Amino acid sequence: MTLLEKSVRNLADALEALETKLDARLGDLDASSDSIASAKRQAQTARKATDHASQGVAAAITDIKSILAEDDGANRGADE
């Protein structure tokens, strides 16, 4: 085998190894991309749940304030 033939063979082997590594890396990136998409979906779901919960807490606070105001008014009326 001539030096040129050996060089071409080495280049072909190196390109094959590079292609194998590239395929493996692309597979890793696909898995990472799926993980990122899943995390985004979970974050969006959590945000919606938090918004819903905060509305419920705000409504409960409003109700408690109304009850306390009514109770305070009733106590003042009883004192007079």
PDB file of N, CA and C in Angstrom:
ATOM      1  N   MET A   1       0.858  -1.172   0.000  1.00  0.00           N
ATOM      2  CA  MET A   1       0.000   0.000   0.000  1.00  0.00           C
ATOM      3  C   MET A   1       0.901   1.230   0.000  1.00  0.00           C
ATOM      4  N   THR A   2       0.596   2.161  -0.837  1.00  0.00           N
ATOM      5  CA  THR A   2       1.407   3.368  -0.927  1.00  0.00           C
ATOM      6  C   THR A   2       1.048   4.309   0.208  1.00  0.00           C
ATOM      7  N   LEU A   3       1.877   5.287   0.407  1.00  0.00           N
ATOM      8  CA  LEU A   3       1.641   6.291   1.451  1.00  0.00           C
ATOM      9  C   LEU A   3       0.325   7.022   1.202  1.00  0.00           C
ATOM     10  N   LEU A   4       0.023   7.326  -0.032  1.00  0.00           N
ATOM     11  CA  LEU A   4      -1.232   8.002  -0.364  1.00  0.00           C
ATOM     12  C   LEU A   4      -2.423   7.113  -0.026  1.00  0.00           C
ATOM     13  N   GLU A   5      -2.333   5.831  -0.333  1.00  0.00           N
ATOM     14  CA  GLU A   5      -3.416   4.906  -0.033  1.00  0.00           C
ATOM     15  C   GLU A   5      -3.631   4.786   1.479  1.00  0.00           C
ATOM     16  N   LYS A   6      -2.522   4.732   2.221  1.00  0.00           N
ATOM     17  CA  LYS A   6      -2.621   4.659   3.677  1.00  0.00           C
ATOM     18  C   LYS A   6      -3.261   5.935   4.239  1.00  0.00           C
ATOM     19  N   SER A   7      -2.890   7.062   3.697  1.00  0.00           N
ATOM     20  CA  SER A   7      -3.450   8.333   4.153  1.00  0.00           C
ATOM     21  C   SER A   7      -4.944   8.410   3.876  1.00  0.00           C
ATOM     22  N   VAL A   8      -5.341   7.940   2.687  1.00  0.00           N
ATOM     23  CA  VAL A   8      -6.759   7.940   2.329  1.00  0.00           C
ATOM     24  C   VAL A   8      -7.523   6.994   3.249  1.00  0.00           C
ATOM     25  N   ARG A   9      -6.930   5.835   3.543  1.00  0.00           N
ATOM     26  CA  ARG A   9      -7.580   4.861   4.438  1.00  0.00           C
ATOM     27  C   ARG A   9      -7.704   5.441   5.845  1.00  0.00           C
ATOM     28  N   ASN A  10      -6.641   6.094   6.332  1.00  0.00           N
ATOM     29  CA  ASN A  10      -6.684   6.732   7.649  1.00  0.00           C
ATOM     30  C   ASN A  10      -7.744   7.831   7.697  1.00  0.00           C
ATOM     31  N   LEU A  11      -7.833   8.596   6.631  1.00  0.00           N
ATOM     32  CA  LEU A  11      -8.841   9.647   6.559  1.00  0.00           C
ATOM     33  C   LEU A  11     -10.249   9.043   6.577  1.00  0.00           C
ATOM     34  N   ALA A  12     -10.464   7.974   5.850  1.00  0.00           N
ATOM     35  CA  ALA A  12     -11.769   7.306   5.827  1.00  0.00           C
ATOM     36  C   ALA A  12     -12.118   6.770   7.218  1.00  0.00           C
ATOM     37  N   ASP A  13     -11.139   6.173   7.902  1.00  0.00           N
ATOM     38  CA  ASP A  13     -11.375   5.666   9.255  1.00  0.00           C
ATOM     39  C   ASP A  13     -11.707   6.809  10.220  1.00  0.00           C
ATOM     40  N   ALA A  14     -10.990   7.906  10.096  1.00  0.00           N
ATOM     41  CA  ALA A  14     -11.221   9.056  10.962  1.00  0.00           C
ATOM     42  C   ALA A  14     -12.613   9.644  10.714  1.00  0.00           C
ATOM     43  N   LEU A  15     -13.015   9.716   9.447  1.00  0.00           N
ATOM     44  CA  LEU A  15     -14.345  10.223   9.120  1.00  0.00           C
ATOM     45  C   LEU A  15     -15.437   9.297   9.654  1.00  0.00           C
ATOM     46  N   GLU A  16     -15.200   8.010   9.590  1.00  0.00           N
ATOM     47  CA  GLU A  16     -16.180   7.057  10.126  1.00  0.00           C
ATOM     48  C   GLU A  16     -16.300   7.207  11.642  1.00  0.00           C
ATOM     49  N   ALA A  17     -15.160   7.354  12.317  1.00  0.00           N
ATOM     50  CA  ALA A  17     -15.183   7.552  13.771  1.00  0.00           C
ATOM     51  C   ALA A  17     -15.887   8.856  14.123  1.00  0.00           C
ATOM     52  N   LEU A  18     -15.631   9.908  13.347  1.00  0.00           N
ATOM     53  CA  LEU A  18     -16.281  11.193  13.577  1.00  0.00           C
ATOM     54  C   LEU A  18     -17.789  11.085  13.383  1.00  0.00           C
ATOM     55  N   GLU A  19     -18.208  10.365  12.363  1.00  0.00           N
ATOM     56  CA  GLU A  19     -19.639  10.181  12.104  1.00  0.00           C
ATOM     57  C   GLU A  19     -20.298   9.427  13.261  1.00  0.00           C
ATOM     58  N   THR A  20     -19.618   8.411  13.773  1.00  0.00           N
ATOM     59  CA  THR A  20     -20.144   7.652  14.905  1.00  0.00           C
ATOM     60  C   THR A  20     -20.306   8.550  16.122  1.00  0.00           C
ATOM     61  N   LYS A  21     -19.281   9.361  16.406  1.00  0.00           N
ATOM     62  CA  LYS A  21     -19.351  10.286  17.546  1.00  0.00           C
ATOM     63  C   LYS A  21     -20.451  11.324  17.342  1.00  0.00           C
ATOM     64  N   LEU A  22     -20.584  11.804  16.130  1.00  0.00           N
ATOM     65  CA  LEU A  22     -21.612  12.799  15.824  1.00  0.00           C
ATOM     66  C   LEU A  22     -23.007  12.209  16.021  1.00  0.00           C
ATOM     67  N   ASP A  23     -23.209  10.988  15.554  1.00  0.00           N
ATOM     68  CA  ASP A  23     -24.508  10.329  15.743  1.00  0.00           C
ATOM     69  C   ASP A  23     -24.823  10.176  17.224  1.00  0.00           C
ATOM     70  N   ALA A  24     -23.819   9.786  18.011  1.00  0.00           N
ATOM     71  CA  ALA A  24     -24.021   9.632  19.455  1.00  0.00           C
ATOM     72  C   ALA A  24     -24.365  10.970  20.090  1.00  0.00           C
ATOM     73  N   ARG A  25     -23.664  12.014  19.698  1.00  0.00           N
ATOM     74  CA  ARG A  25     -23.903  13.346  20.264  1.00  0.00           C
ATOM     75  C   ARG A  25     -25.277  13.867  19.883  1.00  0.00           C
ATOM     76  N   LEU A  26     -25.685  13.642  18.648  1.00  0.00           N
ATOM     77  CA  LEU A  26     -27.016  14.069  18.213  1.00  0.00           C
ATOM     78  C   LEU A  26     -28.100  13.322  18.986  1.00  0.00           C
ATOM     79  N   GLY A  27     -27.855  12.052  19.281  1.00  0.00           N
ATOM     80  CA  GLY A  27     -28.797  11.294  20.106  1.00  0.00           C
ATOM     81  C   GLY A  27     -28.904  11.886  21.494  1.00  0.00           C
ATOM     82  N   ASP A  28     -27.756  12.295  22.072  1.00  0.00           N
ATOM     83  CA  ASP A  28     -27.758  12.937  23.382  1.00  0.00           C
ATOM     84  C   ASP A  28     -28.518  14.255  23.345  1.00  0.00           C
ATOM     85  N   LEU A  29     -28.320  15.025  22.286  1.00  0.00           N
ATOM     86  CA  LEU A  29     -29.013  16.312  22.159  1.00  0.00           C
ATOM     87  C   LEU A  29     -30.515  16.121  22.019  1.00  0.00           C
ATOM     88  N   ASP A  30     -30.933  15.094  21.291  1.00  0.00           N
ATOM     89  CA  ASP A  30     -32.368  14.814  21.168  1.00  0.00           C
ATOM     90  C   ASP A  30     -32.966  14.494  22.533  1.00  0.00           C
ATOM     91  N   ALA A  31     -32.250  13.677  23.304  1.00  0.00           N
ATOM     92  CA  ALA A  31     -32.730  13.328  24.641  1.00  0.00           C
ATOM     93  C   ALA A  31     -32.782  14.575  25.518  1.00  0.00           C
ATOM     94  N   SER A  32     -31.766  15.426  25.393  1.00  0.00           N
ATOM     95  CA  SER A  32     -31.726  16.670  26.164  1.00  0.00           C
ATOM     96  C   SER A  32     -32.867  17.590  25.749  1.00  0.00           C
ATOM     97  N   SER A  33     -33.124  17.656  24.471  1.00  0.00           N
ATOM     98  CA  SER A  33     -34.210  18.490  23.956  1.00  0.00           C
ATOM     99  C   SER A  33     -35.553  18.011  24.490  1.00  0.00           C
ATOM    100  N   ASP A  34     -35.733  16.698  24.543  1.00  0.00           N
ATOM    101  CA  ASP A  34     -36.968  16.149  25.102  1.00  0.00           C
ATOM    102  C   ASP A  34     -37.101  16.511  26.575  1.00  0.00           C
ATOM    103  N   SER A  35     -35.996  16.459  27.299  1.00  0.00           N
ATOM    104  CA  SER A  35     -36.011  16.804  28.720  1.00  0.00           C
ATOM    105  C   SER A  35     -36.369  18.273  28.914  1.00  0.00           C
ATOM    106  N   ILE A  36     -35.801  19.124  28.076  1.00  0.00           N
ATOM    107  CA  ILE A  36     -36.086  20.559  28.166  1.00  0.00           C
ATOM    108  C   ILE A  36     -37.557  20.831  27.868  1.00  0.00           C
ATOM    109  N   ALA A  37     -38.084  20.189  26.844  1.00  0.00           N
ATOM    110  CA  ALA A  37     -39.498  20.382  26.494  1.00  0.00           C
ATOM    111  C   ALA A  37     -40.393  19.906  27.636  1.00  0.00           C
ATOM    112  N   SER A  38     -40.033  18.791  28.237  1.00  0.00           N
ATOM    113  CA  SER A  38     -40.809  18.274  29.368  1.00  0.00           C
ATOM    114  C   SER A  38     -40.753  19.235  30.549  1.00  0.00           C
ATOM    115  N   ALA A  39     -39.578  19.770  30.832  1.00  0.00           N
ATOM    116  CA  ALA A  39     -39.435  20.722  31.942  1.00  0.00           C
ATOM    117  C   ALA A  39     -40.260  21.981  31.682  1.00  0.00           C
ATOM    118  N   LYS A  40     -40.281  22.441  30.442  1.00  0.00           N
ATOM    119  CA  LYS A  40     -41.089  23.620  30.106  1.00  0.00           C
ATOM    120  C   LYS A  40     -42.574  23.351  30.313  1.00  0.00           C
ATOM    121  N   ARG A  41     -43.019  22.156  29.912  1.00  0.00           N
ATOM    122  CA  ARG A  41     -44.432  21.808  30.115  1.00  0.00           C
ATOM    123  C   ARG A  41     -44.766  21.746  31.600  1.00  0.00           C
ATOM    124  N   GLN A  42     -43.861  21.171  32.385  1.00  0.00           N
ATOM    125  CA  GLN A  42     -44.094  21.085  33.831  1.00  0.00           C
ATOM    126  C   GLN A  42     -44.114  22.471  34.464  1.00  0.00           C
ATOM    127  N   ALA A  43     -43.222  23.351  34.024  1.00  0.00           N
ATOM    128  CA  ALA A  43     -43.195  24.714  34.561  1.00  0.00           C
ATOM    129  C   ALA A  43     -44.481  25.458  34.217  1.00  0.00           C
ATOM    130  N   GLN A  44     -44.971  25.269  33.005  1.00  0.00           N
ATOM    131  CA  GLN A  44     -46.210  25.927  32.598  1.00  0.00           C
ATOM    132  C   GLN A  44     -47.384  25.409  33.424  1.00  0.00           C
ATOM    133  N   THR A  45     -47.418  24.110  33.656  1.00  0.00           N
ATOM    134  CA  THR A  45     -48.485  23.524  34.478  1.00  0.00           C
ATOM    135  C   THR A  45     -48.413  24.049  35.904  1.00  0.00           C
ATOM    136  N   ALA A  46     -47.197  24.135  36.438  1.00  0.00           N
ATOM    137  CA  ALA A  46     -47.011  24.646  37.799  1.00  0.00           C
ATOM    138  C   ALA A  46     -47.435  26.106  37.892  1.00  0.00           C
ATOM    139  N   ARG A  47     -47.117  26.887  36.870  1.00  0.00           N
ATOM    140  CA  ARG A  47     -47.511  28.302  36.870  1.00  0.00           C
ATOM    141  C   ARG A  47     -49.027  28.439  36.876  1.00  0.00           C
ATOM    142  N   LYS A  48     -49.705  27.622  36.073  1.00  0.00           N
ATOM    143  CA  LYS A  48     -51.160  27.675  36.033  1.00  0.00           C
ATOM    144  C   LYS A  48     -51.746  27.279  37.388  1.00  0.00           C
ATOM    145  N   ALA A  49     -51.180  26.252  38.000  1.00  0.00           N
ATOM    146  CA  ALA A  49     -51.669  25.817  39.311  1.00  0.00           C
ATOM    147  C   ALA A  49     -51.432  26.892  40.359  1.00  0.00           C
ATOM    148  N   THR A  50     -50.293  27.562  40.285  1.00  0.00           N
ATOM    149  CA  THR A  50     -49.977  28.640  41.222  1.00  0.00           C
ATOM    150  C   THR A  50     -50.929  29.808  41.043  1.00  0.00           C
ATOM    151  N   ASP A  51     -51.203  30.165  39.790  1.00  0.00           N
ATOM    152  CA  ASP A  51     -52.159  31.244  39.524  1.00  0.00           C
ATOM    153  C   ASP A  51     -53.530  30.898  40.095  1.00  0.00           C
ATOM    154  N   HIS A  52     -53.956  29.681  39.866  1.00  0.00           N
ATOM    155  CA  HIS A  52     -55.267  29.240  40.370  1.00  0.00           C
ATOM    156  C   HIS A  52     -55.288  29.266  41.905  1.00  0.00           C
ATOM    157  N   ALA A  53     -54.217  28.780  42.513  1.00  0.00           N
ATOM    158  CA  ALA A  53     -54.148  28.767  43.979  1.00  0.00           C
ATOM    159  C   ALA A  53     -54.127  30.180  44.542  1.00  0.00           C
ATOM    160  N   SER A  54     -53.406  31.081  43.894  1.00  0.00           N
ATOM    161  CA  SER A  54     -53.340  32.458  44.399  1.00  0.00           C
ATOM    162  C   SER A  54     -54.706  33.133  44.314  1.00  0.00           C
ATOM    163  N   GLN A  55     -55.467  32.818  43.285  1.00  0.00           N
ATOM    164  CA  GLN A  55     -56.823  33.366  43.178  1.00  0.00           C
ATOM    165  C   GLN A  55     -57.700  32.822  44.306  1.00  0.00           C
ATOM    166  N   GLY A  56     -57.520  31.539  44.619  1.00  0.00           N
ATOM    167  CA  GLY A  56     -58.278  30.946  45.719  1.00  0.00           C
ATOM    168  C   GLY A  56     -57.918  31.563  47.053  1.00  0.00           C
ATOM    169  N   VAL A  57     -56.622  31.804  47.270  1.00  0.00           N
ATOM    170  CA  VAL A  57     -56.171  32.435  48.517  1.00  0.00           C
ATOM    171  C   VAL A  57     -56.705  33.866  48.603  1.00  0.00           C
ATOM    172  N   ALA A  58     -56.657  34.589  47.499  1.00  0.00           N
ATOM    173  CA  ALA A  58     -57.171  35.964  47.491  1.00  0.00           C
ATOM    174  C   ALA A  58     -58.664  35.980  47.824  1.00  0.00           C
ATOM    175  N   ALA A  59     -59.406  35.040  47.277  1.00  0.00           N
ATOM    176  CA  ALA A  59     -60.847  34.966  47.563  1.00  0.00           C
ATOM    177  C   ALA A  59     -61.077  34.632  49.034  1.00  0.00           C
ATOM    178  N   ALA A  60     -60.269  33.723  49.569  1.00  0.00           N
ATOM    179  CA  ALA A  60     -60.412  33.358  50.984  1.00  0.00           C
ATOM    180  C   ALA A  60     -60.108  34.549  51.886  1.00  0.00           C
ATOM    181  N   ILE A  61     -59.078  35.321  51.545  1.00  0.00           N
ATOM    182  CA  ILE A  61     -58.730  36.511  52.336  1.00  0.00           C
ATOM    183  C   ILE A  61     -59.869  37.521  52.299  1.00  0.00           C
ATOM    184  N   THR A  62     -60.447  37.718  51.120  1.00  0.00           N
ATOM    185  CA  THR A  62     -61.582  38.635  50.988  1.00  0.00           C
ATOM    186  C   THR A  62     -62.756  38.169  51.851  1.00  0.00           C
ATOM    187  N   ASP A  63     -63.019  36.867  51.818  1.00  0.00           N
ATOM    188  CA  ASP A  63     -64.109  36.321  52.638  1.00  0.00           C
ATOM    189  C   ASP A  63     -63.832  36.528  54.129  1.00  0.00           C
ATOM    190  N   ILE A  64     -62.603  36.265  54.553  1.00  0.00           N
ATOM    191  CA  ILE A  64     -62.247  36.434  55.966  1.00  0.00           C
ATOM    192  C   ILE A  64     -62.387  37.891  56.389  1.00  0.00           C
ATOM    193  N   LYS A  65     -61.943  38.801  55.525  1.00  0.00           N
ATOM    194  CA  LYS A  65     -62.083  40.224  55.838  1.00  0.00           C
ATOM    195  C   LYS A  65     -63.552  40.606  55.984  1.00  0.00           C
ATOM    196  N   SER A  66     -64.399  40.075  55.110  1.00  0.00           N
ATOM    197  CA  SER A  66     -65.836  40.361  55.197  1.00  0.00           C
ATOM    198  C   SER A  66     -66.418  39.820  56.488  1.00  0.00           C
ATOM    199  N   ILE A  67     -66.036  38.607  56.840  1.00  0.00           N
ATOM    200  CA  ILE A  67     -66.536  38.005  58.079  1.00  0.00           C
ATOM    201  C   ILE A  67     -66.080  38.814  59.282  1.00  0.00           C
ATOM    202  N   LEU A  68     -64.800  39.209  59.283  1.00  0.00           N
ATOM    203  CA  LEU A  68     -64.280  40.004  60.401  1.00  0.00           C
ATOM    204  C   LEU A  68     -64.963  41.364  60.477  1.00  0.00           C
ATOM    205  N   ALA A  69     -65.221  41.970  59.319  1.00  0.00           N
ATOM    206  CA  ALA A  69     -65.894  43.267  59.303  1.00  0.00           C
ATOM    207  C   ALA A  69     -67.317  43.125  59.831  1.00  0.00           C
ATOM    208  N   GLU A  70     -68.016  42.079  59.433  1.00  0.00           N
ATOM    209  CA  GLU A  70     -69.374  41.845  59.929  1.00  0.00           C
ATOM    210  C   GLU A  70     -69.357  41.582  61.429  1.00  0.00           C
ATOM    211  N   ASP A  71     -68.392  40.782  61.871  1.00  0.00           N
ATOM    212  CA  ASP A  71     -68.269  40.461  63.297  1.00  0.00           C
ATOM    213  C   ASP A  71     -67.947  41.703  64.102  1.00  0.00           C
ATOM    214  N   ASP A  72     -67.040  42.541  63.552  1.00  0.00           N
ATOM    215  CA  ASP A  72     -66.667  43.786  64.219  1.00  0.00           C
ATOM    216  C   ASP A  72     -67.870  44.729  64.317  1.00  0.00           C
ATOM    217  N   GLY A  73     -68.649  44.789  63.239  1.00  0.00           N
ATOM    218  CA  GLY A  73     -69.852  45.628  63.245  1.00  0.00           C
ATOM    219  C   GLY A  73     -70.888  45.114  64.240  1.00  0.00           C
ATOM    220  N   ALA A  74     -71.016  43.817  64.325  1.00  0.00           N
ATOM    221  CA  ALA A  74     -71.977  43.221  65.251  1.00  0.00           C
ATOM    222  C   ALA A  74     -71.537  43.477  66.688  1.00  0.00           C
ATOM    223  N   ASN A  75     -70.240  43.399  66.955  1.00  0.00           N
ATOM    224  CA  ASN A  75     -69.722  43.659  68.310  1.00  0.00           C
ATOM    225  C   ASN A  75     -69.900  45.112  68.696  1.00  0.00           C
ATOM    226  N   ARG A  76     -69.689  46.000  67.760  1.00  0.00           N
ATOM    227  CA  ARG A  76     -69.860  47.441  68.046  1.00  0.00           C
ATOM    228  C   ARG A  76     -71.319  47.749  68.327  1.00  0.00           C
ATOM    229  N   GLY A  77     -72.220  47.100  67.587  1.00  0.00           N
ATOM    230  CA  GLY A  77     -73.648  47.321  67.809  1.00  0.00           C
ATOM    231  C   GLY A  77     -74.091  46.791  69.163  1.00  0.00           C
ATOM    232  N   ALA A  78     -73.481  45.723  69.600  1.00  0.00           N
ATOM    233  CA  ALA A  78     -73.840  45.129  70.894  1.00  0.00           C
ATOM    234  C   ALA A  78     -73.282  45.984  72.030  1.00  0.00           C
ATOM    235  N   ASP A  79     -72.151  46.649  71.798  1.00  0.00           N
ATOM    236  CA  ASP A  79     -71.556  47.504  72.834  1.00  0.00           C
ATOM    237  C   ASP A  79     -72.342  48.785  73.036  1.00  0.00           C
ATOM    238  N   GLU A  80     -73.033  49.226  72.021  1.00  0.00           N
ATOM    239  CA  GLU A  80     -73.734  50.517  72.112  1.00  0.00           C
ATOM    240  C   GLU A  80     -75.047  50.404  72.762  1.00  0.00           C
TER     241      GLU A  80
END
